[in-house]
Amino acid sequence: MIMKTGILKDKRYLEHNMGDYHVETPERLAAIYSMIDEEIKFPYYSILPRKAGENEILTIHSREYFEFIRDTSGKERVFLDPDTSTNARTFETAMLAAGGVLQAADDIITGTINNGFAFIRPPGHHAERSRAMGFCFFNNIAIAADHLIKKHGIKRILIVDWDIHHGNGTQNSFYTRDDVLFFSTHQYPYYPGTGHWSETGEEKGKGYTVNIPLSPGKTDEDYGYIYEKVLFPVASQFEPEFILVSAGFDIYHQDPLGGMLVTQSGFNFMTSILQKIAGLYAGGKILFILEGGYNLQGLKEGSKEILLYISGNREQVSLSTEPSEITKKELKPVIEIHKKFWGQLKCI
């Protein structure tokens, strides 16, 4: 089935720069944009980004923090942690990133598009309420989730994060809530050190954080198994009305920061499971948001595979979802702790 897919790209996202030798470089987006211009042949809707409003940022971040980031505007370089710094255009670019994701979400809600991919930077899933970290300033996906709930009355949102680094900021934004289910696969132990399987949420949010910490070396088959046997039954019980995806391509097999072995086939299969969930429960409403990924070929291959699949121009790959014994072992405590919240989960 051909879907009306939206793509968000804007050269202003290249203006944020943390230095010539930093891995989170404007070239990451430039590579994706070139791939879209040269290789994406199907007609797509160009999402026009807007800047987020201050009050939209304040749904997730503190006023003091927002004003601190705003005050970096025009300054040549401000270091926020050893890995994260601003330049003169970072604040404006970060506001455009958050606002671009909001616009993409609105376009899906209004039916302008069925689904989409927001190719923005800086990324966001590490950004805490009052702290920048891990190359992130404002938590784009968390801001979008809260916006969908408060502006559009969405009652259940599924956030899936497959970046190799745990999305600590996103987790903490919804840790006590039951209207957002946060599902994360990530390398562990690894930066930022959060995301143990015992982190399941608090208060009415208990059970609505599903962390799957993984040792390095996971393949397409391992990820496929997790998405098929863990994510799908949990999501089927949750019945999300909208799906947001923190799409980090640092699980690509040649990524310099990663230790995973995912290829184009893995991105295809994970996307197919997400698309199936979206079709069953969310009227097809799914939005992918760029997070990490530091191998230019991986960024291009992964992005292209997702765009082709969600637009209806690619079939699901045939993948043997038989995981390694190590993966089965690592999943056991996750299943054990979450089967009391999600009865459809089966023992491994």
Foldseek 3Di string as FASTA:
>chain_A
DFFAEEEEDDLLLQVKAPDDPALPHSVLLVLQVVLCVPPVDDDYHYQDFDFADPVLLVLFAPPVQLVVLVVCAQAAWDDQDPREITGNCVNVQLRRQLRSLLSQLVCCVVVVTVEYEYEHDDAALQDARRGDDDSHRGHNVQSNVVCCCVVVVFQAEEEEEEAQEDSVRSCVSDQQHDRYAYEYEHEPPDPPRDQAQVSQGDHNSGNSYQGQYDHFAWELLLLLLCLVQPVLLQLVVRQGQAYEYADALCLDCPFPVGRHHYDLLSLLSSLVSVQVSCVVRHVSHYYYYYHHTRDSVSSNSSVVSNVCVSSVNDDRDDDNNDTDPRSLVSCQVSLVSNCVVRVSRDHD
